[in-house]
Amino acid sequence: QAQFVESGGGLVQPGGSLRLSCVASGFTFVNYGVTWYRQAPGKEREFVASIAGVADKTLYADSVKGRFTISRENSRNRVYLRMNNLQSEDTAVYYCKSPVTPWGQGTQVTVSA
């Protein structure tokens, strides 16, 4: 069964950093682009960043551009989201998704002093 498992979230102070990880299983990972989304309490799920399967073309939401970096390690079926200079508005549950995977449990990121 195709799926992702997200990890790496936690509580961090404003200005801090975290690296989220997403491990894929059950499908040919390198064939698909991967997107990170997030959902804050009371808000719609929103796009954060995406990366293509092989060419590593990346896209970012304006709100995270320059602070977040998406990358992938095809040999280990992993996608990462490096998040720097975190702010309170980055507080959300973060999910990774491909066209062939369902929504997973996500990983909670809380930015608070």
N, C-alpha and C. Protein backbone atom coordinates (compact mmCIF):
# COMPACT_ATOMS: atom_id res chain seq x y z
N GLN A 1 0.84 -1.18 0.00
CA GLN A 1 0.00 0.00 0.00
C GLN A 1 0.88 1.24 0.00
N ALA A 2 0.64 2.13 -0.96
CA ALA A 2 1.45 3.33 -1.07
C ALA A 2 1.15 4.26 0.09
N GLN A 3 2.19 4.76 0.73
CA GLN A 3 1.98 5.69 1.84
C GLN A 3 3.24 6.46 2.15
N PHE A 4 3.03 7.56 2.90
CA PHE A 4 4.12 8.32 3.48
C PHE A 4 3.94 8.31 5.00
N VAL A 5 5.06 8.35 5.71
CA VAL A 5 5.04 8.56 7.15
C VAL A 5 5.89 9.79 7.45
N GLU A 6 5.23 10.79 8.05
CA GLU A 6 5.92 12.04 8.36
C GLU A 6 6.48 12.00 9.79
N SER A 7 7.58 12.71 10.01
CA SER A 7 8.17 12.84 11.33
C SER A 7 9.02 14.10 11.42
N GLY A 8 9.46 14.42 12.62
CA GLY A 8 10.38 15.53 12.81
C GLY A 8 9.77 16.79 13.39
N GLY A 9 8.47 16.79 13.59
CA GLY A 9 7.84 17.97 14.16
C GLY A 9 8.16 18.13 15.64
N GLY A 10 7.71 19.24 16.21
CA GLY A 10 7.93 19.48 17.62
C GLY A 10 7.64 20.91 17.99
N LEU A 11 8.04 21.26 19.20
CA LEU A 11 7.87 22.62 19.71
C LEU A 11 9.19 23.38 19.54
N VAL A 12 9.13 24.55 18.96
CA VAL A 12 10.34 25.33 18.72
C VAL A 12 10.02 26.80 18.97
N GLN A 13 11.02 27.54 19.41
CA GLN A 13 10.82 28.97 19.65
C GLN A 13 10.86 29.75 18.34
N PRO A 14 10.24 30.91 18.32
CA PRO A 14 10.34 31.76 17.12
C PRO A 14 11.79 32.01 16.74
N GLY A 15 12.07 31.90 15.44
CA GLY A 15 13.43 32.03 14.96
C GLY A 15 14.19 30.72 14.89
N GLY A 16 13.62 29.68 15.44
CA GLY A 16 14.27 28.38 15.46
C GLY A 16 14.12 27.61 14.15
N SER A 17 14.65 26.40 14.15
CA SER A 17 14.66 25.56 12.95
C SER A 17 14.20 24.14 13.27
N LEU A 18 13.66 23.49 12.27
CA LEU A 18 13.31 22.08 12.34
C LEU A 18 13.53 21.46 10.97
N ARG A 19 13.77 20.15 10.94
CA ARG A 19 13.78 19.43 9.69
C ARG A 19 12.76 18.31 9.75
N LEU A 20 11.78 18.38 8.86
CA LEU A 20 10.77 17.35 8.77
C LEU A 20 11.23 16.30 7.76
N SER A 21 10.85 15.06 8.04
CA SER A 21 11.16 13.95 7.13
C SER A 21 9.88 13.23 6.74
N CYS A 22 9.94 12.62 5.60
CA CYS A 22 8.79 11.89 5.07
C CYS A 22 9.36 10.64 4.40
N VAL A 23 8.96 9.47 4.86
CA VAL A 23 9.46 8.22 4.30
C VAL A 23 8.36 7.56 3.48
N ALA A 24 8.69 7.19 2.25
CA ALA A 24 7.72 6.58 1.33
C ALA A 24 7.85 5.07 1.33
N SER A 25 6.73 4.39 1.08
CA SER A 25 6.74 2.94 0.90
C SER A 25 5.57 2.56 0.02
N GLY A 26 5.73 1.41 -0.64
CA GLY A 26 4.62 0.85 -1.42
C GLY A 26 4.46 1.36 -2.83
N PHE A 27 5.41 2.19 -3.31
CA PHE A 27 5.33 2.66 -4.69
C PHE A 27 6.72 3.07 -5.15
N THR A 28 6.86 3.29 -6.46
CA THR A 28 8.16 3.65 -7.02
C THR A 28 8.38 5.14 -6.81
N PHE A 29 9.04 5.45 -5.72
CA PHE A 29 9.16 6.80 -5.20
C PHE A 29 9.72 7.77 -6.24
N VAL A 30 10.74 7.37 -6.96
CA VAL A 30 11.46 8.28 -7.85
C VAL A 30 10.56 8.75 -9.00
N ASN A 31 9.47 8.04 -9.26
CA ASN A 31 8.60 8.39 -10.38
C ASN A 31 7.65 9.54 -10.11
N TYR A 32 7.60 10.00 -8.86
CA TYR A 32 6.57 10.96 -8.49
C TYR A 32 7.14 12.19 -7.80
N GLY A 33 6.53 13.31 -8.11
CA GLY A 33 6.80 14.50 -7.32
C GLY A 33 6.15 14.38 -5.96
N VAL A 34 6.65 15.16 -5.01
CA VAL A 34 6.13 15.15 -3.65
C VAL A 34 5.87 16.58 -3.21
N THR A 35 4.78 16.75 -2.51
CA THR A 35 4.39 18.07 -2.02
C THR A 35 4.21 18.05 -0.52
N TRP A 36 4.72 19.07 0.15
CA TRP A 36 4.42 19.30 1.56
C TRP A 36 3.25 20.28 1.64
N TYR A 37 2.29 19.93 2.49
CA TYR A 37 1.16 20.81 2.80
C TYR A 37 1.15 21.03 4.31
N ARG A 38 0.39 22.01 4.72
CA ARG A 38 0.19 22.20 6.16
C ARG A 38 -1.23 22.68 6.42
N GLN A 39 -1.68 22.39 7.63
CA GLN A 39 -3.01 22.83 8.04
C GLN A 39 -2.94 23.36 9.46
N ALA A 40 -3.22 24.64 9.59
CA ALA A 40 -3.25 25.28 10.90
C ALA A 40 -4.65 25.14 11.49
N PRO A 41 -4.78 25.24 12.80
CA PRO A 41 -6.09 25.12 13.44
C PRO A 41 -7.10 26.12 12.86
N GLY A 42 -8.24 25.61 12.44
CA GLY A 42 -9.30 26.46 11.93
C GLY A 42 -9.09 26.97 10.53
N LYS A 43 -8.05 26.48 9.84
CA LYS A 43 -7.76 26.96 8.49
C LYS A 43 -7.76 25.81 7.49
N GLU A 44 -7.84 26.18 6.22
CA GLU A 44 -7.76 25.19 5.15
C GLU A 44 -6.34 24.67 5.03
N ARG A 45 -6.23 23.45 4.53
CA ARG A 45 -4.91 22.90 4.22
C ARG A 45 -4.32 23.72 3.08
N GLU A 46 -3.01 24.02 3.17
CA GLU A 46 -2.39 24.86 2.15
C GLU A 46 -1.08 24.28 1.66
N PHE A 47 -0.75 24.64 0.44
CA PHE A 47 0.50 24.23 -0.19
C PHE A 47 1.67 24.91 0.50
N VAL A 48 2.76 24.15 0.70
CA VAL A 48 3.98 24.70 1.28
C VAL A 48 5.12 24.66 0.27
N ALA A 49 5.40 23.46 -0.25
CA ALA A 49 6.53 23.31 -1.17
C ALA A 49 6.37 21.99 -1.91
N SER A 50 6.98 21.92 -3.11
CA SER A 50 6.94 20.68 -3.87
C SER A 50 8.28 20.46 -4.55
N ILE A 51 8.52 19.19 -4.88
CA ILE A 51 9.75 18.82 -5.56
C ILE A 51 9.43 17.75 -6.58
N ALA A 52 10.01 17.86 -7.77
CA ALA A 52 9.77 16.88 -8.83
C ALA A 52 10.50 15.57 -8.51
N GLY A 53 10.16 14.53 -9.30
CA GLY A 53 10.69 13.21 -9.00
C GLY A 53 12.18 13.06 -9.23
N VAL A 54 12.65 13.52 -10.37
CA VAL A 54 14.04 13.28 -10.73
C VAL A 54 14.82 14.57 -10.92
N ALA A 55 14.22 15.53 -11.56
CA ALA A 55 14.95 16.75 -11.90
C ALA A 55 15.13 17.70 -10.73
N ASP A 56 14.47 17.39 -9.62
CA ASP A 56 14.59 18.21 -8.41
C ASP A 56 14.11 19.65 -8.60
N LYS A 57 13.23 19.87 -9.55
CA LYS A 57 12.62 21.19 -9.67
C LYS A 57 11.77 21.43 -8.44
N THR A 58 11.89 22.61 -7.83
CA THR A 58 11.18 22.91 -6.60
C THR A 58 10.30 24.15 -6.76
N LEU A 59 9.23 24.16 -5.97
CA LEU A 59 8.34 25.31 -5.90
C LEU A 59 8.03 25.58 -4.44
N TYR A 60 7.81 26.86 -4.10
CA TYR A 60 7.53 27.22 -2.72
C TYR A 60 6.36 28.21 -2.66
N ALA A 61 5.61 28.12 -1.58
CA ALA A 61 4.63 29.15 -1.28
C ALA A 61 5.38 30.44 -0.94
N ASP A 62 4.79 31.56 -1.28
CA ASP A 62 5.44 32.85 -1.00
C ASP A 62 5.74 33.02 0.48
N SER A 63 4.88 32.47 1.32
CA SER A 63 5.02 32.66 2.76
C SER A 63 6.24 31.95 3.35
N VAL A 64 6.80 30.98 2.62
CA VAL A 64 7.94 30.24 3.17
C VAL A 64 9.20 30.41 2.32
N LYS A 65 9.08 31.07 1.18
CA LYS A 65 10.21 31.22 0.27
C LYS A 65 11.36 31.91 0.99
N GLY A 66 12.56 31.33 0.86
CA GLY A 66 13.73 31.88 1.52
C GLY A 66 13.96 31.36 2.92
N ARG A 67 12.96 30.70 3.50
CA ARG A 67 13.09 30.16 4.86
C ARG A 67 13.06 28.64 4.86
N PHE A 68 12.28 28.04 3.96
CA PHE A 68 12.12 26.59 3.90
C PHE A 68 12.85 26.05 2.67
N THR A 69 13.37 24.82 2.81
CA THR A 69 14.01 24.15 1.69
C THR A 69 13.51 22.71 1.62
N ILE A 70 12.99 22.34 0.46
CA ILE A 70 12.54 20.96 0.24
C ILE A 70 13.64 20.22 -0.51
N SER A 71 13.86 18.97 -0.14
CA SER A 71 14.86 18.15 -0.83
C SER A 71 14.40 16.70 -0.77
N ARG A 72 15.04 15.86 -1.57
CA ARG A 72 14.69 14.45 -1.56
C ARG A 72 15.93 13.60 -1.71
N GLU A 73 15.82 12.38 -1.20
CA GLU A 73 16.90 11.42 -1.24
C GLU A 73 16.30 10.14 -1.82
N ASN A 74 16.35 10.02 -3.14
CA ASN A 74 15.65 8.92 -3.81
C ASN A 74 16.17 7.55 -3.39
N SER A 75 17.44 7.44 -3.07
CA SER A 75 18.00 6.14 -2.68
C SER A 75 17.42 5.64 -1.36
N ARG A 76 16.85 6.56 -0.57
CA ARG A 76 16.27 6.18 0.73
C ARG A 76 14.78 6.45 0.79
N ASN A 77 14.18 6.78 -0.35
CA ASN A 77 12.73 7.03 -0.41
C ASN A 77 12.30 8.10 0.60
N ARG A 78 13.07 9.15 0.68
CA ARG A 78 12.77 10.18 1.68
C ARG A 78 12.67 11.57 1.05
N VAL A 79 11.82 12.37 1.64
CA VAL A 79 11.72 13.79 1.32
C VAL A 79 11.87 14.55 2.63
N TYR A 80 12.53 15.71 2.53
CA TYR A 80 12.79 16.52 3.71
C TYR A 80 12.24 17.92 3.51
N LEU A 81 11.93 18.56 4.63
CA LEU A 81 11.57 19.98 4.61
C LEU A 81 12.38 20.65 5.72
N ARG A 82 13.39 21.39 5.32
CA ARG A 82 14.18 22.13 6.27
C ARG A 82 13.50 23.49 6.48
N MET A 83 13.21 23.81 7.73
CA MET A 83 12.47 25.03 8.05
C MET A 83 13.33 25.90 8.97
N ASN A 84 13.69 27.06 8.49
CA ASN A 84 14.49 28.01 9.28
C ASN A 84 13.66 29.24 9.61
N ASN A 85 14.11 29.98 10.62
CA ASN A 85 13.46 31.22 11.03
C ASN A 85 11.94 31.01 11.18
N LEU A 86 11.59 29.99 11.94
CA LEU A 86 10.18 29.66 12.12
C LEU A 86 9.45 30.76 12.89
N GLN A 87 8.23 30.99 12.49
CA GLN A 87 7.38 32.01 13.11
C GLN A 87 6.09 31.36 13.60
N SER A 88 5.37 32.07 14.44
CA SER A 88 4.14 31.52 15.02
C SER A 88 3.14 31.11 13.93
N GLU A 89 3.15 31.83 12.82
CA GLU A 89 2.20 31.50 11.75
C GLU A 89 2.56 30.23 11.00
N ASP A 90 3.72 29.66 11.31
CA ASP A 90 4.10 28.37 10.73
C ASP A 90 3.54 27.20 11.54
N THR A 91 2.93 27.48 12.67
CA THR A 91 2.33 26.44 13.49
C THR A 91 1.22 25.74 12.72
N ALA A 92 1.36 24.41 12.57
CA ALA A 92 0.40 23.64 11.79
C ALA A 92 0.78 22.17 11.85
N VAL A 93 -0.10 21.33 11.33
CA VAL A 93 0.24 19.94 11.05
C VAL A 93 0.74 19.89 9.62
N TYR A 94 1.90 19.29 9.42
CA TYR A 94 2.53 19.22 8.12
C TYR A 94 2.39 17.81 7.53
N TYR A 95 2.02 17.76 6.27
CA TYR A 95 1.79 16.50 5.57
C TYR A 95 2.62 16.46 4.29
N CYS A 96 3.05 15.27 3.91
CA CYS A 96 3.60 15.11 2.57
C CYS A 96 2.66 14.23 1.76
N LYS A 97 2.70 14.46 0.46
CA LYS A 97 1.69 13.84 -0.41
C LYS A 97 2.27 13.65 -1.80
N SER A 98 1.90 12.54 -2.42
CA SER A 98 2.18 12.35 -3.83
C SER A 98 0.86 11.99 -4.50
N PRO A 99 0.82 11.94 -5.83
CA PRO A 99 -0.45 11.62 -6.50
C PRO A 99 -1.00 10.23 -6.19
N VAL A 100 -0.16 9.35 -5.66
CA VAL A 100 -0.61 7.97 -5.45
C VAL A 100 -0.73 7.60 -3.97
N THR A 101 -0.57 8.56 -3.08
CA THR A 101 -0.63 8.26 -1.65
C THR A 101 -1.81 8.97 -1.00
N PRO A 102 -2.39 8.36 0.03
CA PRO A 102 -3.45 9.03 0.78
C PRO A 102 -2.84 10.04 1.75
N TRP A 103 -3.68 10.85 2.35
CA TRP A 103 -3.20 11.74 3.40
C TRP A 103 -2.78 10.90 4.59
N GLY A 104 -1.61 11.23 5.16
CA GLY A 104 -1.11 10.52 6.32
C GLY A 104 -1.52 11.23 7.60
N GLN A 105 -0.83 10.86 8.68
CA GLN A 105 -1.14 11.45 9.99
C GLN A 105 -0.56 12.85 10.13
N GLY A 106 0.48 13.11 9.38
CA GLY A 106 1.13 14.41 9.50
C GLY A 106 2.03 14.48 10.73
N THR A 107 2.73 15.60 10.84
CA THR A 107 3.58 15.84 12.00
C THR A 107 3.34 17.27 12.47
N GLN A 108 3.15 17.42 13.78
CA GLN A 108 2.77 18.72 14.35
C GLN A 108 4.00 19.59 14.55
N VAL A 109 3.91 20.82 14.07
CA VAL A 109 4.94 21.83 14.31
C VAL A 109 4.29 22.96 15.09
N THR A 110 4.85 23.27 16.24
CA THR A 110 4.34 24.35 17.08
C THR A 110 5.46 25.35 17.32
N VAL A 111 5.23 26.59 16.95
CA VAL A 111 6.22 27.65 17.13
C VAL A 111 5.68 28.60 18.20
N SER A 112 6.35 28.59 19.35
CA SER A 112 5.87 29.37 20.48
C SER A 112 7.01 29.67 21.42
N ALA A 113 6.94 30.86 22.04
CA ALA A 113 7.94 31.21 23.03
C ALA A 113 7.59 30.58 24.37
